[in-house]
Amino acid sequence: MLPAANAWAFALAAFALIVIPGPSVLFVIGRSLSLGRRGGMLSLLGNALGMLPAIALVALGVGAVVAESAIVFAVIKYLGAAYVIYLGVQAIRHRKPKASSEAATTAEQLGATLPSDTHRAAASQSAFRLLREGFIVGATNPKTLVFFVAILPQFVSRSSPAVPLQLALLGLIFFAIALLSDSVWALTASTARQWFARDPKRMSRMSATGGAMMIGLGGALALSGNKH
């Protein structure tokens, strides 16, 4: 089992790394500025869940093989970068608050005629879409896998036979800290959006800013060199 001292040492190291704004933070802020509190929180949850495949790969010993493959690393990197850019473009294209107000009005009108089950189904589909988009971004961030491969083994007790379990526990500690930290960024950004929402023009510029941040993030991810 994972020694408590190792767990605390890793938690402190992980916290020190997580609080420094990186790709995940920029993604969460961009989504919160573009979509608001609900969209930002669901996006960050999906992004955090996207870490789980990397944690599983590292715990099973496959992560090192994937991280050392230049081709696999590049494919994942470019797919993730392209998807983030796509989300940024979509945020800019649909930045006009008029569309949101019209959608809200339509929902209110439908509320008088559609059964509650239909509303719940529509809300679930929207939530699933936001979670799915965040998950794809998190799962296609190769830097997460490289980080886990390089850092997690340093805090494992080799005297214990349960090394895969220790790696998984360390990954889950990182997951929990990242989820809490990114939640603060999402709430802060969505609160700023609420102030900008008082003016349609400011709201449009704010949504475009969030989209531009995601496009810039996607470009940075695509242009960043790999570990080779």
C-alpha atoms as a PDB file:
ATOM      1  CA  MET A   1       0.000   0.000   0.000  1.00  0.00           C
ATOM      2  CA  LEU A   2       1.044   3.613  -0.542  1.00  0.00           C
ATOM      3  CA  PRO A   3       2.870   5.002   2.531  1.00  0.00           C
ATOM      4  CA  ALA A   4       1.216   8.079   4.025  1.00  0.00           C
ATOM      5  CA  ALA A   5       4.471  10.055   3.858  1.00  0.00           C
ATOM      6  CA  ASN A   6       4.738   9.394   0.120  1.00  0.00           C
ATOM      7  CA  ALA A   7       1.128  10.410  -0.412  1.00  0.00           C
ATOM      8  CA  TRP A   8       1.562  13.708   1.445  1.00  0.00           C
ATOM      9  CA  ALA A   9       4.814  14.497  -0.326  1.00  0.00           C
ATOM     10  CA  PHE A  10       3.207  13.862  -3.705  1.00  0.00           C
ATOM     11  CA  ALA A  11       0.115  15.894  -2.780  1.00  0.00           C
ATOM     12  CA  LEU A  12       2.297  18.902  -1.933  1.00  0.00           C
ATOM     13  CA  ALA A  13       4.303  18.521  -5.142  1.00  0.00           C
ATOM     14  CA  ALA A  14       1.147  18.105  -7.206  1.00  0.00           C
ATOM     15  CA  PHE A  15      -0.465  21.158  -5.612  1.00  0.00           C
ATOM     16  CA  ALA A  16       2.611  23.266  -6.355  1.00  0.00           C
ATOM     17  CA  LEU A  17       2.425  22.259 -10.025  1.00  0.00           C
ATOM     18  CA  ILE A  18      -1.359  22.511 -10.388  1.00  0.00           C
ATOM     19  CA  VAL A  19      -1.749  26.030  -8.968  1.00  0.00           C
ATOM     20  CA  ILE A  20       0.539  27.340 -11.723  1.00  0.00           C
ATOM     21  CA  PRO A  21      -1.808  28.100 -14.665  1.00  0.00           C
ATOM     22  CA  GLY A  22      -1.294  25.613 -17.471  1.00  0.00           C
ATOM     23  CA  PRO A  23      -3.250  24.188 -20.425  1.00  0.00           C
ATOM     24  CA  SER A  24      -6.065  22.793 -18.271  1.00  0.00           C
ATOM     25  CA  VAL A  25      -6.523  26.108 -16.444  1.00  0.00           C
ATOM     26  CA  LEU A  26      -6.573  28.081 -19.707  1.00  0.00           C
ATOM     27  CA  PHE A  27      -9.111  25.652 -21.159  1.00  0.00           C
ATOM     28  CA  VAL A  28     -11.363  25.926 -18.110  1.00  0.00           C
ATOM     29  CA  ILE A  29     -11.146  29.734 -18.052  1.00  0.00           C
ATOM     30  CA  GLY A  30     -11.879  29.950 -21.770  1.00  0.00           C
ATOM     31  CA  ARG A  31     -14.900  27.680 -21.483  1.00  0.00           C
ATOM     32  CA  SER A  32     -16.208  29.522 -18.416  1.00  0.00           C
ATOM     33  CA  LEU A  33     -15.920  32.879 -20.162  1.00  0.00           C
ATOM     34  CA  SER A  34     -17.678  31.520 -23.244  1.00  0.00           C
ATOM     35  CA  LEU A  35     -20.317  29.283 -21.655  1.00  0.00           C
ATOM     36  CA  GLY A  36     -20.830  30.536 -18.120  1.00  0.00           C
ATOM     37  CA  ARG A  37     -20.655  28.774 -14.766  1.00  0.00           C
ATOM     38  CA  ARG A  38     -22.528  25.594 -15.693  1.00  0.00           C
ATOM     39  CA  GLY A  39     -20.631  25.141 -18.942  1.00  0.00           C
ATOM     40  CA  GLY A  40     -17.312  25.847 -17.260  1.00  0.00           C
ATOM     41  CA  MET A  41     -17.906  23.456 -14.378  1.00  0.00           C
ATOM     42  CA  LEU A  42     -19.061  20.629 -16.649  1.00  0.00           C
ATOM     43  CA  SER A  43     -16.111  21.260 -18.967  1.00  0.00           C
ATOM     44  CA  LEU A  44     -13.607  21.109 -16.106  1.00  0.00           C
ATOM     45  CA  LEU A  45     -15.220  17.922 -14.789  1.00  0.00           C
ATOM     46  CA  GLY A  46     -14.954  16.330 -18.222  1.00  0.00           C
ATOM     47  CA  ASN A  47     -11.366  17.559 -18.569  1.00  0.00           C
ATOM     48  CA  ALA A  48     -10.466  16.045 -15.206  1.00  0.00           C
ATOM     49  CA  LEU A  49     -12.143  12.750 -16.111  1.00  0.00           C
ATOM     50  CA  GLY A  50      -9.965  12.755 -19.221  1.00  0.00           C
ATOM     51  CA  MET A  51      -6.987  12.160 -16.919  1.00  0.00           C
ATOM     52  CA  LEU A  52      -8.324   8.766 -15.868  1.00  0.00           C
ATOM     53  CA  PRO A  53      -7.211   6.908 -19.029  1.00  0.00           C
ATOM     54  CA  ALA A  54      -3.670   8.246 -18.525  1.00  0.00           C
ATOM     55  CA  ILE A  55      -3.742   7.145 -14.880  1.00  0.00           C
ATOM     56  CA  ALA A  56      -4.896   3.681 -15.923  1.00  0.00           C
ATOM     57  CA  LEU A  57      -2.197   3.409 -18.606  1.00  0.00           C
ATOM     58  CA  VAL A  58       0.538   4.368 -16.160  1.00  0.00           C
ATOM     59  CA  ALA A  59      -0.751   2.011 -13.467  1.00  0.00           C
ATOM     60  CA  LEU A  60      -0.816  -0.856 -15.975  1.00  0.00           C
ATOM     61  CA  GLY A  61       2.678  -0.068 -17.226  1.00  0.00           C
ATOM     62  CA  VAL A  62       1.527   0.919 -20.710  1.00  0.00           C
ATOM     63  CA  GLY A  63       2.014   4.644 -20.181  1.00  0.00           C
ATOM     64  CA  ALA A  64       5.786   4.552 -20.564  1.00  0.00           C
ATOM     65  CA  VAL A  65       5.492   2.756 -23.901  1.00  0.00           C
ATOM     66  CA  VAL A  66       3.003   5.310 -25.230  1.00  0.00           C
ATOM     67  CA  ALA A  67       5.019   8.253 -23.933  1.00  0.00           C
ATOM     68  CA  GLU A  68       8.180   6.975 -25.628  1.00  0.00           C
ATOM     69  CA  SER A  69       6.493   6.579 -29.019  1.00  0.00           C
ATOM     70  CA  ALA A  70       7.137   9.749 -31.032  1.00  0.00           C
ATOM     71  CA  ILE A  71       4.393   8.904 -33.547  1.00  0.00           C
ATOM     72  CA  VAL A  72       1.701   8.166 -30.952  1.00  0.00           C
ATOM     73  CA  PHE A  73       2.709  11.218 -28.946  1.00  0.00           C
ATOM     74  CA  ALA A  74       2.486  13.469 -32.017  1.00  0.00           C
ATOM     75  CA  VAL A  75      -0.865  12.059 -33.155  1.00  0.00           C
ATOM     76  CA  ILE A  76      -2.440  12.577 -29.741  1.00  0.00           C
ATOM     77  CA  LYS A  77      -0.938  16.052 -29.478  1.00  0.00           C
ATOM     78  CA  TYR A  78      -2.213  17.257 -32.842  1.00  0.00           C
ATOM     79  CA  LEU A  79      -5.659  15.721 -32.388  1.00  0.00           C
ATOM     80  CA  GLY A  80      -6.013  17.411 -29.006  1.00  0.00           C
ATOM     81  CA  ALA A  81      -4.754  20.756 -30.322  1.00  0.00           C
ATOM     82  CA  ALA A  82      -7.104  20.637 -33.311  1.00  0.00           C
ATOM     83  CA  TYR A  83     -10.073  19.874 -31.087  1.00  0.00           C
ATOM     84  CA  VAL A  84      -9.310  22.748 -28.705  1.00  0.00           C
ATOM     85  CA  ILE A  85      -9.016  25.119 -31.682  1.00  0.00           C
ATOM     86  CA  TYR A  86     -12.344  23.818 -33.013  1.00  0.00           C
ATOM     87  CA  LEU A  87     -14.044  24.549 -29.673  1.00  0.00           C
ATOM     88  CA  GLY A  88     -12.523  28.044 -29.671  1.00  0.00           C
ATOM     89  CA  VAL A  89     -13.798  28.752 -33.182  1.00  0.00           C
ATOM     90  CA  GLN A  90     -17.256  27.529 -32.190  1.00  0.00           C
ATOM     91  CA  ALA A  91     -17.242  29.828 -29.160  1.00  0.00           C
ATOM     92  CA  ILE A  92     -16.429  32.827 -31.361  1.00  0.00           C
ATOM     93  CA  ARG A  93     -18.973  31.882 -34.016  1.00  0.00           C
ATOM     94  CA  HIS A  94     -21.763  31.605 -31.443  1.00  0.00           C
ATOM     95  CA  ARG A  95     -20.679  34.487 -29.246  1.00  0.00           C
ATOM     96  CA  LYS A  96     -23.752  36.649 -29.878  1.00  0.00           C
ATOM     97  CA  PRO A  97     -25.896  36.745 -26.732  1.00  0.00           C
ATOM     98  CA  LYS A  98     -28.967  37.014 -28.956  1.00  0.00           C
ATOM     99  CA  ALA A  99     -28.724  33.333 -29.750  1.00  0.00           C
ATOM    100  CA  SER A 100     -28.638  32.448 -26.071  1.00  0.00           C
ATOM    101  CA  SER A 101     -31.605  34.645 -25.261  1.00  0.00           C
ATOM    102  CA  GLU A 102     -33.578  33.183 -28.115  1.00  0.00           C
ATOM    103  CA  ALA A 103     -32.768  29.672 -26.942  1.00  0.00           C
ATOM    104  CA  ALA A 104     -33.858  30.565 -23.422  1.00  0.00           C
ATOM    105  CA  THR A 105     -37.098  32.061 -24.706  1.00  0.00           C
ATOM    106  CA  THR A 106     -37.783  28.965 -26.761  1.00  0.00           C
ATOM    107  CA  ALA A 107     -37.119  26.753 -23.763  1.00  0.00           C
ATOM    108  CA  GLU A 108     -39.548  28.781 -21.676  1.00  0.00           C
ATOM    109  CA  GLN A 109     -42.189  28.520 -24.354  1.00  0.00           C
ATOM    110  CA  LEU A 110     -41.671  24.784 -24.656  1.00  0.00           C
ATOM    111  CA  GLY A 111     -41.888  24.484 -20.918  1.00  0.00           C
ATOM    112  CA  ALA A 112     -45.587  25.162 -21.076  1.00  0.00           C
ATOM    113  CA  THR A 113     -46.224  22.305 -23.482  1.00  0.00           C
ATOM    114  CA  LEU A 114     -43.505  19.680 -23.124  1.00  0.00           C
ATOM    115  CA  PRO A 115     -43.473  17.167 -20.268  1.00  0.00           C
ATOM    116  CA  SER A 116     -40.787  17.402 -17.604  1.00  0.00           C
ATOM    117  CA  ASP A 117     -39.192  14.180 -18.856  1.00  0.00           C
ATOM    118  CA  THR A 118     -38.424  15.924 -22.148  1.00  0.00           C
ATOM    119  CA  HIS A 119     -36.756  18.795 -20.320  1.00  0.00           C
ATOM    120  CA  ARG A 120     -34.655  16.403 -18.301  1.00  0.00           C
ATOM    121  CA  ALA A 121     -33.631  14.538 -21.439  1.00  0.00           C
ATOM    122  CA  ALA A 122     -32.612  17.765 -23.201  1.00  0.00           C
ATOM    123  CA  ALA A 123     -30.652  18.959 -20.168  1.00  0.00           C
ATOM    124  CA  SER A 124     -28.922  15.586 -19.891  1.00  0.00           C
ATOM    125  CA  GLN A 125     -27.904  15.687 -23.546  1.00  0.00           C
ATOM    126  CA  SER A 126     -26.465  19.177 -23.140  1.00  0.00           C
ATOM    127  CA  ALA A 127     -24.585  18.193 -19.979  1.00  0.00           C
ATOM    128  CA  PHE A 128     -23.272  15.048 -21.655  1.00  0.00           C
ATOM    129  CA  ARG A 129     -22.021  17.073 -24.621  1.00  0.00           C
ATOM    130  CA  LEU A 130     -20.106  19.462 -22.351  1.00  0.00           C
ATOM    131  CA  LEU A 131     -18.649  16.580 -20.358  1.00  0.00           C
ATOM    132  CA  ARG A 132     -17.695  14.772 -23.576  1.00  0.00           C
ATOM    133  CA  GLU A 133     -15.939  17.818 -25.013  1.00  0.00           C
ATOM    134  CA  GLY A 134     -13.983  18.360 -21.805  1.00  0.00           C
ATOM    135  CA  PHE A 135     -13.122  14.675 -21.610  1.00  0.00           C
ATOM    136  CA  ILE A 136     -11.727  14.646 -25.157  1.00  0.00           C
ATOM    137  CA  VAL A 137      -9.510  17.645 -24.377  1.00  0.00           C
ATOM    138  CA  GLY A 138      -8.233  16.042 -21.175  1.00  0.00           C
ATOM    139  CA  ALA A 139      -7.680  12.617 -22.734  1.00  0.00           C
ATOM    140  CA  THR A 140      -5.801  14.007 -25.745  1.00  0.00           C
ATOM    141  CA  ASN A 141      -3.361  16.075 -23.681  1.00  0.00           C
ATOM    142  CA  PRO A 142      -0.154  14.017 -24.007  1.00  0.00           C
ATOM    143  CA  LYS A 143       1.624  16.174 -21.443  1.00  0.00           C
ATOM    144  CA  THR A 144      -0.587  14.638 -18.753  1.00  0.00           C
ATOM    145  CA  LEU A 145       0.610  11.149 -19.654  1.00  0.00           C
ATOM    146  CA  VAL A 146       4.246  12.250 -19.790  1.00  0.00           C
ATOM    147  CA  PHE A 147       3.885  13.956 -16.407  1.00  0.00           C
ATOM    148  CA  PHE A 148       2.424  10.845 -14.815  1.00  0.00           C
ATOM    149  CA  VAL A 149       5.104   8.619 -16.344  1.00  0.00           C
ATOM    150  CA  ALA A 150       7.914  10.888 -15.119  1.00  0.00           C
ATOM    151  CA  ILE A 151       6.610  11.953 -11.692  1.00  0.00           C
ATOM    152  CA  LEU A 152       4.388   9.259 -10.189  1.00  0.00           C
ATOM    153  CA  PRO A 153       7.054   6.495  -9.978  1.00  0.00           C
ATOM    154  CA  GLN A 154       9.253   8.773  -7.848  1.00  0.00           C
ATOM    155  CA  PHE A 155       6.730   8.582  -4.988  1.00  0.00           C
ATOM    156  CA  VAL A 156       6.124   4.839  -5.105  1.00  0.00           C
ATOM    157  CA  SER A 157       7.409   2.552  -2.368  1.00  0.00           C
ATOM    158  CA  ARG A 158       9.337  -0.180  -4.181  1.00  0.00           C
ATOM    159  CA  SER A 159       9.313  -2.330  -1.057  1.00  0.00           C
ATOM    160  CA  SER A 160       5.588  -2.879  -1.543  1.00  0.00           C
ATOM    161  CA  PRO A 161       4.451  -5.358  -4.205  1.00  0.00           C
ATOM    162  CA  ALA A 162       1.357  -3.301  -5.037  1.00  0.00           C
ATOM    163  CA  VAL A 163       3.133  -0.815  -7.316  1.00  0.00           C
ATOM    164  CA  PRO A 164       0.256  -0.516  -9.856  1.00  0.00           C
ATOM    165  CA  LEU A 165      -2.171   0.257  -7.038  1.00  0.00           C
ATOM    166  CA  GLN A 166       0.177   2.899  -5.637  1.00  0.00           C
ATOM    167  CA  LEU A 167       0.454   4.533  -9.062  1.00  0.00           C
ATOM    168  CA  ALA A 168      -3.315   4.564  -9.389  1.00  0.00           C
ATOM    169  CA  LEU A 169      -3.736   6.134  -5.941  1.00  0.00           C
ATOM    170  CA  LEU A 170      -1.178   8.839  -6.747  1.00  0.00           C
ATOM    171  CA  GLY A 171      -3.005   9.578  -9.989  1.00  0.00           C
ATOM    172  CA  LEU A 172      -6.304   9.896  -8.140  1.00  0.00           C
ATOM    173  CA  ILE A 173      -4.720  12.293  -5.640  1.00  0.00           C
ATOM    174  CA  PHE A 174      -3.587  14.449  -8.554  1.00  0.00           C
ATOM    175  CA  PHE A 175      -7.080  14.163 -10.071  1.00  0.00           C
ATOM    176  CA  ALA A 176      -8.766  15.397  -6.871  1.00  0.00           C
ATOM    177  CA  ILE A 177      -6.401  18.341  -6.387  1.00  0.00           C
ATOM    178  CA  ALA A 178      -6.727  19.387 -10.039  1.00  0.00           C
ATOM    179  CA  LEU A 179     -10.520  19.192  -9.832  1.00  0.00           C
ATOM    180  CA  LEU A 180     -10.651  21.447  -6.772  1.00  0.00           C
ATOM    181  CA  SER A 181      -8.094  23.926  -8.107  1.00  0.00           C
ATOM    182  CA  ASP A 182      -9.702  24.215 -11.543  1.00  0.00           C
ATOM    183  CA  SER A 183     -13.096  24.718  -9.896  1.00  0.00           C
ATOM    184  CA  VAL A 184     -11.801  27.941  -8.346  1.00  0.00           C
ATOM    185  CA  TRP A 185     -10.672  29.189 -11.761  1.00  0.00           C
ATOM    186  CA  ALA A 186     -14.004  28.227 -13.330  1.00  0.00           C
ATOM    187  CA  LEU A 187     -16.032  29.999 -10.645  1.00  0.00           C
ATOM    188  CA  THR A 188     -13.847  33.108 -10.865  1.00  0.00           C
ATOM    189  CA  ALA A 189     -14.090  33.314 -14.649  1.00  0.00           C
ATOM    190  CA  SER A 190     -17.840  32.659 -14.692  1.00  0.00           C
ATOM    191  CA  THR A 191     -18.367  35.379 -12.067  1.00  0.00           C
ATOM    192  CA  ALA A 192     -16.542  37.841 -14.321  1.00  0.00           C
ATOM    193  CA  ARG A 193     -18.751  36.720 -17.187  1.00  0.00           C
ATOM    194  CA  GLN A 194     -21.874  37.514 -15.157  1.00  0.00           C
ATOM    195  CA  TRP A 195     -20.707  41.124 -14.812  1.00  0.00           C
ATOM    196  CA  PHE A 196     -20.031  41.385 -18.534  1.00  0.00           C
ATOM    197  CA  ALA A 197     -23.442  39.882 -19.255  1.00  0.00           C
ATOM    198  CA  ARG A 198     -25.077  43.150 -18.213  1.00  0.00           C
ATOM    199  CA  ASP A 199     -24.040  44.609 -21.571  1.00  0.00           C
ATOM    200  CA  PRO A 200     -24.662  42.581 -24.782  1.00  0.00           C
ATOM    201  CA  LYS A 201     -21.580  44.045 -26.477  1.00  0.00           C
ATOM    202  CA  ARG A 202     -19.361  43.288 -23.520  1.00  0.00           C
ATOM    203  CA  MET A 203     -20.860  39.808 -23.356  1.00  0.00           C
ATOM    204  CA  SER A 204     -20.057  39.212 -27.010  1.00  0.00           C
ATOM    205  CA  ARG A 205     -16.468  40.384 -26.524  1.00  0.00           C
ATOM    206  CA  MET A 206     -16.099  38.214 -23.425  1.00  0.00           C
ATOM    207  CA  SER A 207     -17.282  35.097 -25.249  1.00  0.00           C
ATOM    208  CA  ALA A 208     -14.939  35.905 -28.143  1.00  0.00           C
ATOM    209  CA  THR A 209     -12.083  36.311 -25.648  1.00  0.00           C
ATOM    210  CA  GLY A 210     -12.782  32.863 -24.252  1.00  0.00           C
ATOM    211  CA  GLY A 211     -12.791  31.424 -27.762  1.00  0.00           C
ATOM    212  CA  ALA A 212      -9.555  33.227 -28.629  1.00  0.00           C
ATOM    213  CA  MET A 213      -7.913  31.815 -25.504  1.00  0.00           C
ATOM    214  CA  MET A 214      -8.828  28.291 -26.575  1.00  0.00           C
ATOM    215  CA  ILE A 215      -7.553  28.873 -30.114  1.00  0.00           C
ATOM    216  CA  GLY A 216      -4.288  30.212 -28.700  1.00  0.00           C
ATOM    217  CA  LEU A 217      -4.060  27.237 -26.351  1.00  0.00           C
ATOM    218  CA  GLY A 218      -4.624  24.830 -29.237  1.00  0.00           C
ATOM    219  CA  GLY A 219      -1.919  26.548 -31.267  1.00  0.00           C
ATOM    220  CA  ALA A 220       0.506  26.423 -28.355  1.00  0.00           C
ATOM    221  CA  LEU A 221      -0.158  22.729 -27.835  1.00  0.00           C
ATOM    222  CA  ALA A 222       0.375  21.994 -31.548  1.00  0.00           C
ATOM    223  CA  LEU A 223       3.611  23.984 -31.745  1.00  0.00           C
ATOM    224  CA  SER A 224       5.105  22.772 -28.494  1.00  0.00           C
ATOM    225  CA  GLY A 225       7.878  20.272 -28.971  1.00  0.00           C
ATOM    226  CA  ASN A 226       7.504  16.755 -27.689  1.00  0.00           C
ATOM    227  CA  LYS A 227       9.835  15.100 -25.217  1.00  0.00           C
ATOM    228  CA  HIS A 228      11.998  13.760 -28.027  1.00  0.00           C
END
